[in-house]
Amino acid sequence: MLRHVVLIKFNDSANEEMVQALAAKLDALPAAIPELVSLVHGRDAGVSGGKYSYGVFADFNSVADYQSYLQHPAHQAAGGAMMPLVADVAQLQLEY
């Protein structure tokens, strides 16, 4: 299994409507991309004062499935919705 983790810090111009539009695009990904095993996303719970505002966690059966996901038009659209909101982003992929 491969987990793709994206941590986003929103910029000052990101408003609630923009964040909700991003969330809607993310919600649509599992139905659109068969290689995507699971997807969880949402705002930081604020429990320990983290640096990032939002997290996206996506699981895949293989690196090849992850690479297919990256090229999928639905993923590209979600990334396009995310970029205008981003002040900082971190990502990693881990195999487990």
PDB file of N, CA and C in Angstrom:
ATOM      1  N   MET A   1       0.847  -1.190   0.000  1.00  0.00           N
ATOM      2  CA  MET A   1       0.000   0.000   0.000  1.00  0.00           C
ATOM      3  C   MET A   1       0.884   1.242   0.000  1.00  0.00           C
ATOM      4  N   LEU A   2       0.351   2.288  -0.576  1.00  0.00           N
ATOM      5  CA  LEU A   2       1.034   3.577  -0.613  1.00  0.00           C
ATOM      6  C   LEU A   2       0.066   4.639  -0.104  1.00  0.00           C
ATOM      7  N   ARG A   3       0.528   5.453   0.823  1.00  0.00           N
ATOM      8  CA  ARG A   3      -0.281   6.575   1.316  1.00  0.00           C
ATOM      9  C   ARG A   3       0.349   7.874   0.842  1.00  0.00           C
ATOM     10  N   HIS A   4      -0.476   8.702   0.227  1.00  0.00           N
ATOM     11  CA  HIS A   4      -0.087  10.032  -0.249  1.00  0.00           C
ATOM     12  C   HIS A   4      -0.667  11.040   0.739  1.00  0.00           C
ATOM     13  N   VAL A   5       0.184  11.867   1.313  1.00  0.00           N
ATOM     14  CA  VAL A   5      -0.222  12.846   2.321  1.00  0.00           C
ATOM     15  C   VAL A   5       0.096  14.238   1.800  1.00  0.00           C
ATOM     16  N   VAL A   6      -0.900  15.120   1.834  1.00  0.00           N
ATOM     17  CA  VAL A   6      -0.709  16.512   1.441  1.00  0.00           C
ATOM     18  C   VAL A   6      -1.168  17.384   2.607  1.00  0.00           C
ATOM     19  N   LEU A   7      -0.305  18.288   3.051  1.00  0.00           N
ATOM     20  CA  LEU A   7      -0.635  19.246   4.102  1.00  0.00           C
ATOM     21  C   LEU A   7      -0.608  20.639   3.494  1.00  0.00           C
ATOM     22  N   ILE A   8      -1.674  21.391   3.699  1.00  0.00           N
ATOM     23  CA  ILE A   8      -1.852  22.686   3.052  1.00  0.00           C
ATOM     24  C   ILE A   8      -1.990  23.775   4.103  1.00  0.00           C
ATOM     25  N   LYS A   9      -1.265  24.854   3.898  1.00  0.00           N
ATOM     26  CA  LYS A   9      -1.497  26.073   4.671  1.00  0.00           C
ATOM     27  C   LYS A   9      -2.153  27.049   3.708  1.00  0.00           C
ATOM     28  N   PHE A  10      -3.378  27.473   4.040  1.00  0.00           N
ATOM     29  CA  PHE A  10      -4.095  28.389   3.165  1.00  0.00           C
ATOM     30  C   PHE A  10      -3.509  29.793   3.236  1.00  0.00           C
ATOM     31  N   ASN A  11      -3.577  30.515   2.127  1.00  0.00           N
ATOM     32  CA  ASN A  11      -3.150  31.909   2.110  1.00  0.00           C
ATOM     33  C   ASN A  11      -4.288  32.793   2.632  1.00  0.00           C
ATOM     34  N   ASP A  12      -4.006  34.070   2.800  1.00  0.00           N
ATOM     35  CA  ASP A  12      -4.974  35.004   3.380  1.00  0.00           C
ATOM     36  C   ASP A  12      -6.198  35.230   2.495  1.00  0.00           C
ATOM     37  N   SER A  13      -6.080  34.967   1.203  1.00  0.00           N
ATOM     38  CA  SER A  13      -7.221  35.200   0.314  1.00  0.00           C
ATOM     39  C   SER A  13      -8.166  33.996   0.227  1.00  0.00           C
ATOM     40  N   ALA A  14      -7.790  32.873   0.836  1.00  0.00           N
ATOM     41  CA  ALA A  14      -8.649  31.682   0.800  1.00  0.00           C
ATOM     42  C   ALA A  14      -9.856  31.901   1.703  1.00  0.00           C
ATOM     43  N   ASN A  15     -11.044  31.921   1.097  1.00  0.00           N
ATOM     44  CA  ASN A  15     -12.252  32.101   1.897  1.00  0.00           C
ATOM     45  C   ASN A  15     -12.994  30.767   2.001  1.00  0.00           C
ATOM     46  N   GLU A  16     -14.041  30.741   2.811  1.00  0.00           N
ATOM     47  CA  GLU A  16     -14.768  29.505   3.069  1.00  0.00           C
ATOM     48  C   GLU A  16     -15.379  28.919   1.799  1.00  0.00           C
ATOM     49  N   GLU A  17     -15.872  29.759   0.924  1.00  0.00           N
ATOM     50  CA  GLU A  17     -16.444  29.274  -0.336  1.00  0.00           C
ATOM     51  C   GLU A  17     -15.397  28.550  -1.175  1.00  0.00           C
ATOM     52  N   MET A  18     -14.196  29.087  -1.221  1.00  0.00           N
ATOM     53  CA  MET A  18     -13.113  28.456  -1.986  1.00  0.00           C
ATOM     54  C   MET A  18     -12.719  27.114  -1.368  1.00  0.00           C
ATOM     55  N   VAL A  19     -12.651  27.068  -0.053  1.00  0.00           N
ATOM     56  CA  VAL A  19     -12.296  25.824   0.638  1.00  0.00           C
ATOM     57  C   VAL A  19     -13.379  24.772   0.411  1.00  0.00           C
ATOM     58  N   GLN A  20     -14.635  25.171   0.443  1.00  0.00           N
ATOM     59  CA  GLN A  20     -15.738  24.235   0.195  1.00  0.00           C
ATOM     60  C   GLN A  20     -15.712  23.717  -1.247  1.00  0.00           C
ATOM     61  N   ALA A  21     -15.340  24.559  -2.194  1.00  0.00           N
ATOM     62  CA  ALA A  21     -15.216  24.124  -3.594  1.00  0.00           C
ATOM     63  C   ALA A  21     -14.103  23.090  -3.735  1.00  0.00           C
ATOM     64  N   LEU A  22     -13.002  23.312  -3.046  1.00  0.00           N
ATOM     65  CA  LEU A  22     -11.913  22.334  -3.043  1.00  0.00           C
ATOM     66  C   LEU A  22     -12.397  21.025  -2.431  1.00  0.00           C
ATOM     67  N   ALA A  23     -13.075  21.104  -1.298  1.00  0.00           N
ATOM     68  CA  ALA A  23     -13.577  19.895  -0.627  1.00  0.00           C
ATOM     69  C   ALA A  23     -14.510  19.110  -1.540  1.00  0.00           C
ATOM     70  N   ALA A  24     -15.357  19.795  -2.291  1.00  0.00           N
ATOM     71  CA  ALA A  24     -16.274  19.118  -3.210  1.00  0.00           C
ATOM     72  C   ALA A  24     -15.516  18.375  -4.301  1.00  0.00           C
ATOM     73  N   LYS A  25     -14.468  18.995  -4.824  1.00  0.00           N
ATOM     74  CA  LYS A  25     -13.655  18.321  -5.844  1.00  0.00           C
ATOM     75  C   LYS A  25     -12.963  17.092  -5.250  1.00  0.00           C
ATOM     76  N   LEU A  26     -12.458  17.216  -4.030  1.00  0.00           N
ATOM     77  CA  LEU A  26     -11.819  16.083  -3.373  1.00  0.00           C
ATOM     78  C   LEU A  26     -12.831  14.971  -3.104  1.00  0.00           C
ATOM     79  N   ASP A  27     -14.040  15.332  -2.676  1.00  0.00           N
ATOM     80  CA  ASP A  27     -15.082  14.335  -2.421  1.00  0.00           C
ATOM     81  C   ASP A  27     -15.422  13.521  -3.663  1.00  0.00           C
ATOM     82  N   ALA A  28     -15.285  14.116  -4.829  1.00  0.00           N
ATOM     83  CA  ALA A  28     -15.624  13.440  -6.085  1.00  0.00           C
ATOM     84  C   ALA A  28     -14.537  12.477  -6.571  1.00  0.00           C
ATOM     85  N   LEU A  29     -13.340  12.566  -6.028  1.00  0.00           N
ATOM     86  CA  LEU A  29     -12.224  11.766  -6.550  1.00  0.00           C
ATOM     87  C   LEU A  29     -12.423  10.254  -6.426  1.00  0.00           C
ATOM     88  N   PRO A  30     -12.873   9.710  -5.287  1.00  0.00           N
ATOM     89  CA  PRO A  30     -12.985   8.247  -5.210  1.00  0.00           C
ATOM     90  C   PRO A  30     -13.902   7.638  -6.278  1.00  0.00           C
ATOM     91  N   ALA A  31     -14.984   8.295  -6.618  1.00  0.00           N
ATOM     92  CA  ALA A  31     -15.890   7.773  -7.649  1.00  0.00           C
ATOM     93  C   ALA A  31     -15.286   7.900  -9.046  1.00  0.00           C
ATOM     94  N   ALA A  32     -14.423   8.882  -9.235  1.00  0.00           N
ATOM     95  CA  ALA A  32     -13.862   9.145 -10.563  1.00  0.00           C
ATOM     96  C   ALA A  32     -12.587   8.364 -10.855  1.00  0.00           C
ATOM     97  N   ILE A  33     -11.866   7.979  -9.803  1.00  0.00           N
ATOM     98  CA  ILE A  33     -10.542   7.372  -9.995  1.00  0.00           C
ATOM     99  C   ILE A  33     -10.515   5.998  -9.331  1.00  0.00           C
ATOM    100  N   PRO A  34     -10.633   4.927 -10.117  1.00  0.00           N
ATOM    101  CA  PRO A  34     -10.714   3.584  -9.539  1.00  0.00           C
ATOM    102  C   PRO A  34      -9.463   3.167  -8.757  1.00  0.00           C
ATOM    103  N   GLU A  35      -8.315   3.724  -9.086  1.00  0.00           N
ATOM    104  CA  GLU A  35      -7.074   3.365  -8.397  1.00  0.00           C
ATOM    105  C   GLU A  35      -7.019   3.890  -6.959  1.00  0.00           C
ATOM    106  N   LEU A  36      -7.874   4.824  -6.644  1.00  0.00           N
ATOM    107  CA  LEU A  36      -7.900   5.442  -5.320  1.00  0.00           C
ATOM    108  C   LEU A  36      -8.675   4.545  -4.357  1.00  0.00           C
ATOM    109  N   VAL A  37      -7.971   3.941  -3.407  1.00  0.00           N
ATOM    110  CA  VAL A  37      -8.576   3.006  -2.463  1.00  0.00           C
ATOM    111  C   VAL A  37      -9.378   3.750  -1.402  1.00  0.00           C
ATOM    112  N   SER A  38      -8.805   4.805  -0.844  1.00  0.00           N
ATOM    113  CA  SER A  38      -9.522   5.607   0.146  1.00  0.00           C
ATOM    114  C   SER A  38      -8.989   7.030   0.136  1.00  0.00           C
ATOM    115  N   LEU A  39      -9.844   7.940   0.556  1.00  0.00           N
ATOM    116  CA  LEU A  39      -9.477   9.354   0.616  1.00  0.00           C
ATOM    117  C   LEU A  39     -10.142   9.976   1.840  1.00  0.00           C
ATOM    118  N   VAL A  40      -9.333  10.630   2.661  1.00  0.00           N
ATOM    119  CA  VAL A  40      -9.816  11.375   3.820  1.00  0.00           C
ATOM    120  C   VAL A  40      -9.207  12.763   3.724  1.00  0.00           C
ATOM    121  N   HIS A  41     -10.017  13.790   3.982  1.00  0.00           N
ATOM    122  CA  HIS A  41      -9.493  15.151   3.934  1.00  0.00           C
ATOM    123  C   HIS A  41     -10.286  16.031   4.875  1.00  0.00           C
ATOM    124  N   GLY A  42      -9.676  17.128   5.292  1.00  0.00           N
ATOM    125  CA  GLY A  42     -10.391  18.065   6.143  1.00  0.00           C
ATOM    126  C   GLY A  42      -9.478  19.055   6.815  1.00  0.00           C
ATOM    127  N   ARG A  43     -10.113  19.969   7.535  1.00  0.00           N
ATOM    128  CA  ARG A  43      -9.390  21.017   8.252  1.00  0.00           C
ATOM    129  C   ARG A  43      -8.666  20.460   9.469  1.00  0.00           C
ATOM    130  N   ASP A  44      -7.585  21.125   9.838  1.00  0.00           N
ATOM    131  CA  ASP A  44      -6.869  20.792  11.065  1.00  0.00           C
ATOM    132  C   ASP A  44      -7.818  20.946  12.249  1.00  0.00           C
ATOM    133  N   ALA A  45      -7.808  19.998  13.165  1.00  0.00           N
ATOM    134  CA  ALA A  45      -8.689  20.026  14.335  1.00  0.00           C
ATOM    135  C   ALA A  45      -8.233  21.040  15.379  1.00  0.00           C
ATOM    136  N   GLY A  46      -7.019  21.568  15.238  1.00  0.00           N
ATOM    137  CA  GLY A  46      -6.543  22.591  16.158  1.00  0.00           C
ATOM    138  C   GLY A  46      -6.165  22.079  17.541  1.00  0.00           C
ATOM    139  N   VAL A  47      -5.949  20.791  17.655  1.00  0.00           N
ATOM    140  CA  VAL A  47      -5.664  20.194  18.953  1.00  0.00           C
ATOM    141  C   VAL A  47      -4.269  20.541  19.464  1.00  0.00           C
ATOM    142  N   SER A  48      -3.293  20.616  18.559  1.00  0.00           N
ATOM    143  CA  SER A  48      -1.921  20.858  19.019  1.00  0.00           C
ATOM    144  C   SER A  48      -1.222  22.003  18.296  1.00  0.00           C
ATOM    145  N   GLY A  49      -1.969  22.912  17.704  1.00  0.00           N
ATOM    146  CA  GLY A  49      -1.361  24.093  17.105  1.00  0.00           C
ATOM    147  C   GLY A  49      -0.479  23.827  15.910  1.00  0.00           C
ATOM    148  N   GLY A  50      -0.926  22.976  14.995  1.00  0.00           N
ATOM    149  CA  GLY A  50      -0.138  22.645  13.816  1.00  0.00           C
ATOM    150  C   GLY A  50       0.033  23.818  12.878  1.00  0.00           C
ATOM    151  N   LYS A  51       1.013  23.696  11.992  1.00  0.00           N
ATOM    152  CA  LYS A  51       1.342  24.743  11.027  1.00  0.00           C
ATOM    153  C   LYS A  51       0.395  24.763   9.835  1.00  0.00           C
ATOM    154  N   TYR A  52      -0.226  23.626   9.533  1.00  0.00           N
ATOM    155  CA  TYR A  52      -1.020  23.503   8.313  1.00  0.00           C
ATOM    156  C   TYR A  52      -2.518  23.577   8.614  1.00  0.00           C
ATOM    157  N   SER A  53      -3.277  24.052   7.636  1.00  0.00           N
ATOM    158  CA  SER A  53      -4.715  24.295   7.774  1.00  0.00           C
ATOM    159  C   SER A  53      -5.569  23.102   7.378  1.00  0.00           C
ATOM    160  N   TYR A  54      -5.064  22.273   6.468  1.00  0.00           N
ATOM    161  CA  TYR A  54      -5.899  21.256   5.831  1.00  0.00           C
ATOM    162  C   TYR A  54      -5.029  20.060   5.474  1.00  0.00           C
ATOM    163  N   GLY A  55      -5.587  18.869   5.545  1.00  0.00           N
ATOM    164  CA  GLY A  55      -4.848  17.666   5.184  1.00  0.00           C
ATOM    165  C   GLY A  55      -5.630  16.801   4.222  1.00  0.00           C
ATOM    166  N   VAL A  56      -4.903  16.135   3.339  1.00  0.00           N
ATOM    167  CA  VAL A  56      -5.474  15.178   2.393  1.00  0.00           C
ATOM    168  C   VAL A  56      -4.651  13.896   2.510  1.00  0.00           C
ATOM    169  N   PHE A  57      -5.354  12.766   2.701  1.00  0.00           N
ATOM    170  CA  PHE A  57      -4.702  11.476   2.876  1.00  0.00           C
ATOM    171  C   PHE A  57      -5.345  10.488   1.910  1.00  0.00           C
ATOM    172  N   ALA A  58      -4.558   9.994   0.966  1.00  0.00           N
ATOM    173  CA  ALA A  58      -5.072   9.107  -0.078  1.00  0.00           C
ATOM    174  C   ALA A  58      -4.275   7.813  -0.093  1.00  0.00           C
ATOM    175  N   ASP A  59      -4.976   6.688  -0.193  1.00  0.00           N
ATOM    176  CA  ASP A  59      -4.337   5.376  -0.201  1.00  0.00           C
ATOM    177  C   ASP A  59      -4.497   4.694  -1.552  1.00  0.00           C
ATOM    178  N   PHE A  60      -3.439   3.978  -1.938  1.00  0.00           N
ATOM    179  CA  PHE A  60      -3.380   3.264  -3.209  1.00  0.00           C
ATOM    180  C   PHE A  60      -2.791   1.878  -2.981  1.00  0.00           C
ATOM    181  N   ASN A  61      -3.144   0.943  -3.853  1.00  0.00           N
ATOM    182  CA  ASN A  61      -2.592  -0.405  -3.744  1.00  0.00           C
ATOM    183  C   ASN A  61      -1.137  -0.490  -4.191  1.00  0.00           C
ATOM    184  N   SER A  62      -0.705   0.452  -5.027  1.00  0.00           N
ATOM    185  CA  SER A  62       0.655   0.380  -5.570  1.00  0.00           C
ATOM    186  C   SER A  62       1.143   1.765  -5.999  1.00  0.00           C
ATOM    187  N   VAL A  63       2.432   1.850  -6.226  1.00  0.00           N
ATOM    188  CA  VAL A  63       3.025   3.081  -6.751  1.00  0.00           C
ATOM    189  C   VAL A  63       2.461   3.367  -8.146  1.00  0.00           C
ATOM    190  N   ALA A  64       2.265   2.318  -8.947  1.00  0.00           N
ATOM    191  CA  ALA A  64       1.711   2.504 -10.290  1.00  0.00           C
ATOM    192  C   ALA A  64       0.308   3.104 -10.227  1.00  0.00           C
ATOM    193  N   ASP A  65      -0.508   2.661  -9.272  1.00  0.00           N
ATOM    194  CA  ASP A  65      -1.848   3.235  -9.122  1.00  0.00           C
ATOM    195  C   ASP A  65      -1.764   4.704  -8.729  1.00  0.00           C
ATOM    196  N   TYR A  66      -0.834   5.036  -7.848  1.00  0.00           N
ATOM    197  CA  TYR A  66      -0.633   6.437  -7.450  1.00  0.00           C
ATOM    198  C   TYR A  66      -0.234   7.278  -8.662  1.00  0.00           C
ATOM    199  N   GLN A  67       0.661   6.763  -9.475  1.00  0.00           N
ATOM    200  CA  GLN A  67       1.104   7.496 -10.653  1.00  0.00           C
ATOM    201  C   GLN A  67      -0.036   7.703 -11.647  1.00  0.00           C
ATOM    202  N   SER A  68      -0.928   6.734 -11.778  1.00  0.00           N
ATOM    203  CA  SER A  68      -2.113   6.903 -12.628  1.00  0.00           C
ATOM    204  C   SER A  68      -3.014   7.996 -12.079  1.00  0.00           C
ATOM    205  N   TYR A  69      -3.194   8.006 -10.776  1.00  0.00           N
ATOM    206  CA  TYR A  69      -3.995   9.026 -10.092  1.00  0.00           C
ATOM    207  C   TYR A  69      -3.467  10.425 -10.383  1.00  0.00           C
ATOM    208  N   LEU A  70      -2.153  10.588 -10.342  1.00  0.00           N
ATOM    209  CA  LEU A  70      -1.550  11.902 -10.587  1.00  0.00           C
ATOM    210  C   LEU A  70      -1.916  12.454 -11.956  1.00  0.00           C
ATOM    211  N   GLN A  71      -2.064  11.579 -12.936  1.00  0.00           N
ATOM    212  CA  GLN A  71      -2.344  11.999 -14.309  1.00  0.00           C
ATOM    213  C   GLN A  71      -3.840  12.124 -14.607  1.00  0.00           C
ATOM    214  N   HIS A  72      -4.673  11.651 -13.714  1.00  0.00           N
ATOM    215  CA  HIS A  72      -6.113  11.635 -13.970  1.00  0.00           C
ATOM    216  C   HIS A  72      -6.676  13.062 -14.021  1.00  0.00           C
ATOM    217  N   PRO A  73      -7.548  13.360 -14.972  1.00  0.00           N
ATOM    218  CA  PRO A  73      -8.120  14.711 -15.082  1.00  0.00           C
ATOM    219  C   PRO A  73      -8.855  15.191 -13.819  1.00  0.00           C
ATOM    220  N   ALA A  74      -9.508  14.292 -13.107  1.00  0.00           N
ATOM    221  CA  ALA A  74     -10.201  14.703 -11.870  1.00  0.00           C
ATOM    222  C   ALA A  74      -9.200  15.151 -10.805  1.00  0.00           C
ATOM    223  N   HIS A  75      -8.070  14.460 -10.715  1.00  0.00           N
ATOM    224  CA  HIS A  75      -7.022  14.882  -9.778  1.00  0.00           C
ATOM    225  C   HIS A  75      -6.432  16.217 -10.218  1.00  0.00           C
ATOM    226  N   GLN A  76      -6.218  16.373 -11.500  1.00  0.00           N
ATOM    227  CA  GLN A  76      -5.676  17.634 -12.020  1.00  0.00           C
ATOM    228  C   GLN A  76      -6.617  18.801 -11.697  1.00  0.00           C
ATOM    229  N   ALA A  77      -7.927  18.565 -11.800  1.00  0.00           N
ATOM    230  CA  ALA A  77      -8.904  19.612 -11.484  1.00  0.00           C
ATOM    231  C   ALA A  77      -8.874  19.960 -10.000  1.00  0.00           C
ATOM    232  N   ALA A  78      -8.742  18.967  -9.143  1.00  0.00           N
ATOM    233  CA  ALA A  78      -8.664  19.232  -7.706  1.00  0.00           C
ATOM    234  C   ALA A  78      -7.397  20.015  -7.380  1.00  0.00           C
ATOM    235  N   GLY A  79      -6.292  19.646  -8.008  1.00  0.00           N
ATOM    236  CA  GLY A  79      -5.045  20.387  -7.815  1.00  0.00           C
ATOM    237  C   GLY A  79      -5.160  21.818  -8.294  1.00  0.00           C
ATOM    238  N   GLY A  80      -5.862  22.010  -9.404  1.00  0.00           N
ATOM    239  CA  GLY A  80      -6.074  23.362  -9.915  1.00  0.00           C
ATOM    240  C   GLY A  80      -6.911  24.202  -8.969  1.00  0.00           C
ATOM    241  N   ALA A  81      -7.891  23.578  -8.301  1.00  0.00           N
ATOM    242  CA  ALA A  81      -8.710  24.297  -7.321  1.00  0.00           C
ATOM    243  C   ALA A  81      -7.914  24.625  -6.067  1.00  0.00           C
ATOM    244  N   MET A  82      -6.938  23.784  -5.754  1.00  0.00           N
ATOM    245  CA  MET A  82      -6.144  23.970  -4.535  1.00  0.00           C
ATOM    246  C   MET A  82      -5.103  25.082  -4.676  1.00  0.00           C
ATOM    247  N   MET A  83      -4.437  25.161  -5.794  1.00  0.00           N
ATOM    248  CA  MET A  83      -3.266  26.031  -5.932  1.00  0.00           C
ATOM    249  C   MET A  83      -3.522  27.503  -5.615  1.00  0.00           C
ATOM    250  N   PRO A  84      -4.647  28.110  -6.004  1.00  0.00           N
ATOM    251  CA  PRO A  84      -4.858  29.514  -5.659  1.00  0.00           C
ATOM    252  C   PRO A  84      -5.034  29.757  -4.158  1.00  0.00           C
ATOM    253  N   LEU A  85      -5.262  28.698  -3.383  1.00  0.00           N
ATOM    254  CA  LEU A  85      -5.488  28.826  -1.945  1.00  0.00           C
ATOM    255  C   LEU A  85      -4.226  28.645  -1.117  1.00  0.00           C
ATOM    256  N   VAL A  86      -3.153  28.197  -1.740  1.00  0.00           N
ATOM    257  CA  VAL A  86      -1.979  27.703  -1.024  1.00  0.00           C
ATOM    258  C   VAL A  86      -0.955  28.785  -0.716  1.00  0.00           C
ATOM    259  N   ALA A  87      -0.607  28.878   0.576  1.00  0.00           N
ATOM    260  CA  ALA A  87       0.546  29.669   0.997  1.00  0.00           C
ATOM    261  C   ALA A  87       1.757  28.759   1.142  1.00  0.00           C
ATOM    262  N   ASP A  88       1.511  27.510   1.566  1.00  0.00           N
ATOM    263  CA  ASP A  88       2.573  26.519   1.745  1.00  0.00           C
ATOM    264  C   ASP A  88       1.943  25.142   1.627  1.00  0.00           C
ATOM    265  N   VAL A  89       2.698  24.211   1.084  1.00  0.00           N
ATOM    266  CA  VAL A  89       2.204  22.842   0.967  1.00  0.00           C
ATOM    267  C   VAL A  89       3.364  21.889   1.205  1.00  0.00           C
ATOM    268  N   ALA A  90       3.072  20.794   1.864  1.00  0.00           N
ATOM    269  CA  ALA A  90       4.047  19.716   2.070  1.00  0.00           C
ATOM    270  C   ALA A  90       3.373  18.423   1.660  1.00  0.00           C
ATOM    271  N   GLN A  91       4.151  17.525   1.096  1.00  0.00           N
ATOM    272  CA  GLN A  91       3.589  16.230   0.744  1.00  0.00           C
ATOM    273  C   GLN A  91       4.634  15.146   0.895  1.00  0.00           C
ATOM    274  N   LEU A  92       4.142  13.943   1.084  1.00  0.00           N
ATOM    275  CA  LEU A  92       5.011  12.791   1.128  1.00  0.00           C
ATOM    276  C   LEU A  92       4.199  11.562   0.754  1.00  0.00           C
ATOM    277  N   GLN A  93       4.909  10.539   0.358  1.00  0.00           N
ATOM    278  CA  GLN A  93       4.298   9.263   0.061  1.00  0.00           C
ATOM    279  C   GLN A  93       5.029   8.216   0.885  1.00  0.00           C
ATOM    280  N   LEU A  94       4.260   7.369   1.560  1.00  0.00           N
ATOM    281  CA  LEU A  94       4.909   6.312   2.332  1.00  0.00           C
ATOM    282  C   LEU A  94       4.296   4.980   1.990  1.00  0.00           C
ATOM    283  N   GLU A  95       5.172   3.986   1.917  1.00  0.00           N
ATOM    284  CA  GLU A  95       4.710   2.622   1.664  1.00  0.00           C
ATOM    285  C   GLU A  95       4.517   1.931   2.994  1.00  0.00           C
ATOM    286  N   TYR A  96       3.425   1.192   3.120  1.00  0.00           N
ATOM    287  CA  TYR A  96       3.155   0.476   4.357  1.00  0.00           C
ATOM    288  C   TYR A  96       2.515  -0.868   4.074  1.00  0.00           C
TER     289      TYR A  96
END
